[in-house]
């Protein structure tokens, strides 16, 4: 009986620890890459954030320039769509896609997705954008 009680206690402690880790974590998921685009085209930046919706009711996810840490919000230059789905018990994924419209040389640089859940901040890899002149073939 003591062995069974110990196993139940260890199992409960393990579940409690996993639940606490799940609730406190925010993950930003996407691969690092370089995007080359012609001037005037659209560049799409996409990231997925995994989080516990029990502790992250006010999650804010956005793309930023890495050089000046400016959030990409100007509706004349950027278009952002957000979707969310439940992937498990108390866990959701939020996808944030930001289009940089009519890119110019000034849009060349590094970008990073940032998630903020009540001060618990997670940041993704850098995405490098290279803007080239249009080729006239």
Protein backbone atom coordinates (compact mmCIF):
# COMPACT_ATOMS: atom_id res chain seq x y z
CA UNK A 1 0.00 0.00 0.00
CA UNK A 2 2.88 2.38 0.82
CA UNK A 3 4.43 1.80 -2.63
CA UNK A 4 1.10 2.56 -4.32
CA UNK A 5 0.66 5.74 -2.25
CA UNK A 6 4.19 6.86 -3.14
CA UNK A 7 3.57 6.24 -6.84
CA UNK A 8 0.36 8.24 -6.71
CA UNK A 9 2.17 11.06 -4.89
CA UNK A 10 5.05 11.08 -7.42
CA UNK A 11 2.55 11.01 -10.31
CA UNK A 12 0.56 13.89 -8.77
CA UNK A 13 3.74 15.92 -8.16
CA UNK A 14 4.87 15.32 -11.74
CA UNK A 15 1.49 16.42 -13.11
CA UNK A 16 1.53 19.49 -10.85
CA UNK A 17 5.02 20.41 -12.04
CA UNK A 18 4.06 19.96 -15.70
CA UNK A 19 0.90 22.01 -15.23
CA UNK A 20 2.84 24.82 -13.56
CA UNK A 21 5.42 24.82 -16.36
CA UNK A 22 2.68 24.81 -19.00
CA UNK A 23 0.85 27.70 -17.38
CA UNK A 24 3.95 29.87 -16.99
CA UNK A 25 5.40 29.34 -20.43
CA UNK A 26 4.98 31.27 -23.62
CA UNK A 27 6.75 29.96 -26.69
CA UNK A 28 7.37 31.69 -30.01
CA UNK A 29 7.80 29.17 -32.82
CA UNK A 30 9.22 29.78 -36.30
CA UNK A 31 12.47 29.22 -38.18
CA UNK A 32 15.20 31.74 -38.72
CA UNK A 33 15.57 32.63 -42.39
CA UNK A 34 16.49 35.27 -44.93
CA UNK A 35 13.87 36.70 -47.27
CA UNK A 36 14.92 38.45 -50.46
CA UNK A 37 12.25 40.60 -52.10
CA UNK A 38 12.11 43.13 -54.91
CA UNK A 39 11.31 46.74 -54.11
CA UNK A 40 7.55 47.31 -54.25
CA UNK A 41 6.61 43.71 -53.44
CA UNK A 42 5.07 42.36 -50.21
CA UNK A 43 7.05 40.44 -47.57
CA UNK A 44 5.15 38.13 -45.24
CA UNK A 45 6.37 37.50 -41.67
CA UNK A 46 4.67 34.65 -39.83
CA UNK A 47 5.03 33.30 -36.28
CA UNK A 48 3.15 30.94 -34.00
CA UNK A 49 2.92 31.44 -30.25
CA UNK A 50 1.99 28.56 -27.94
CA UNK A 51 0.60 29.49 -24.51
CA UNK A 52 -1.72 28.54 -21.68
CA UNK A 53 -4.94 30.51 -21.96
CA UNK A 54 -5.53 30.08 -18.22
CA UNK A 55 -2.60 32.37 -17.39
CA UNK A 56 -2.27 34.35 -20.63
CA UNK A 57 -5.66 35.96 -21.04
CA UNK A 58 -4.00 39.20 -22.19
CA UNK A 59 -1.33 37.80 -24.53
CA UNK A 60 0.08 40.36 -26.98
CA UNK A 61 2.03 39.05 -30.00
CA UNK A 62 3.61 41.28 -32.64
CA UNK A 63 6.47 41.68 -35.10
CA UNK A 64 9.24 44.21 -34.38
CA UNK A 65 12.25 45.61 -36.16
CA UNK A 66 15.28 44.29 -34.30
CA UNK A 67 17.40 47.38 -34.87
CA UNK A 68 15.07 49.88 -33.20
CA UNK A 69 12.61 47.48 -31.52
CA UNK A 70 9.66 49.21 -33.20
CA UNK A 71 6.37 47.30 -33.37
CA UNK A 72 5.04 47.01 -36.92
CA UNK A 73 1.66 48.74 -36.52
CA UNK A 74 1.41 51.47 -39.16
CA UNK A 75 -1.63 50.37 -41.21
CA UNK A 76 -0.31 52.17 -44.31
CA UNK A 77 2.82 50.00 -44.35
CA UNK A 78 1.79 46.78 -42.56
CA UNK A 79 -1.20 44.45 -42.58
CA UNK A 80 -1.51 41.99 -39.68
CA UNK A 81 -3.87 39.03 -39.31
CA UNK A 82 -4.26 36.95 -36.18
CA UNK A 83 -5.80 33.51 -35.78
CA UNK A 84 -5.99 31.25 -32.78
CA UNK A 85 -6.80 27.60 -32.14
CA UNK A 86 -7.01 25.24 -29.19
CA UNK A 87 -4.36 22.51 -29.44
CA UNK A 88 -4.70 20.81 -26.06
CA UNK A 89 -6.08 21.09 -22.59
CA UNK A 90 -5.52 24.72 -21.55
CA UNK A 91 -3.12 25.29 -24.47
CA UNK A 92 -3.66 27.47 -27.51
CA UNK A 93 -1.65 28.54 -30.52
CA UNK A 94 -1.89 32.04 -31.91
CA UNK A 95 -0.62 32.72 -35.42
CA UNK A 96 0.38 36.28 -36.26
CA UNK A 97 1.04 37.11 -39.90
CA UNK A 98 2.30 40.58 -40.78
CA UNK A 99 2.67 41.69 -44.39
CA UNK A 100 5.15 44.47 -45.09
CA UNK A 101 3.46 46.26 -47.97
CA UNK A 102 5.35 47.81 -50.91
CA UNK A 103 8.80 47.17 -49.43
CA UNK A 104 11.57 49.71 -49.89
CA UNK A 105 15.30 49.64 -49.16
CA UNK A 106 14.41 51.05 -45.73
CA UNK A 107 12.61 47.79 -44.92
CA UNK A 108 15.85 45.81 -45.27
CA UNK A 109 16.99 44.54 -41.88
CA UNK A 110 16.18 42.06 -39.16
CA UNK A 111 12.73 41.36 -37.71
CA UNK A 112 11.65 39.42 -34.65
CA UNK A 113 8.33 38.16 -33.28
CA UNK A 114 7.69 39.03 -29.62
CA UNK A 115 5.04 37.60 -27.26
CA UNK A 116 4.17 39.26 -23.95
CA UNK A 117 1.99 37.50 -21.40
CA UNK A 118 1.71 39.66 -18.29
CA UNK A 119 5.43 40.45 -18.38
CA UNK A 120 6.50 36.92 -19.33
CA UNK A 121 8.21 37.70 -22.64
CA UNK A 122 9.30 35.28 -25.34
CA UNK A 123 11.05 36.23 -28.56
CA UNK A 124 11.65 34.26 -31.72
CA UNK A 125 14.59 33.97 -34.08
CA UNK A 126 15.63 36.81 -36.37
CA UNK A 127 14.23 36.99 -39.88
CA UNK A 128 16.50 38.93 -42.23
CA UNK A 129 14.88 40.87 -45.07
CA UNK A 130 16.93 41.97 -48.08
CA UNK A 131 15.19 44.34 -50.48
CA UNK A 132 16.61 44.44 -54.01
CA UNK A 133 15.85 46.70 -56.93
CA UNK A 134 13.34 45.43 -59.46
CA UNK A 135 14.93 43.59 -62.31
CA UNK A 136 13.77 44.58 -65.79
CA UNK A 137 14.30 41.56 -68.02
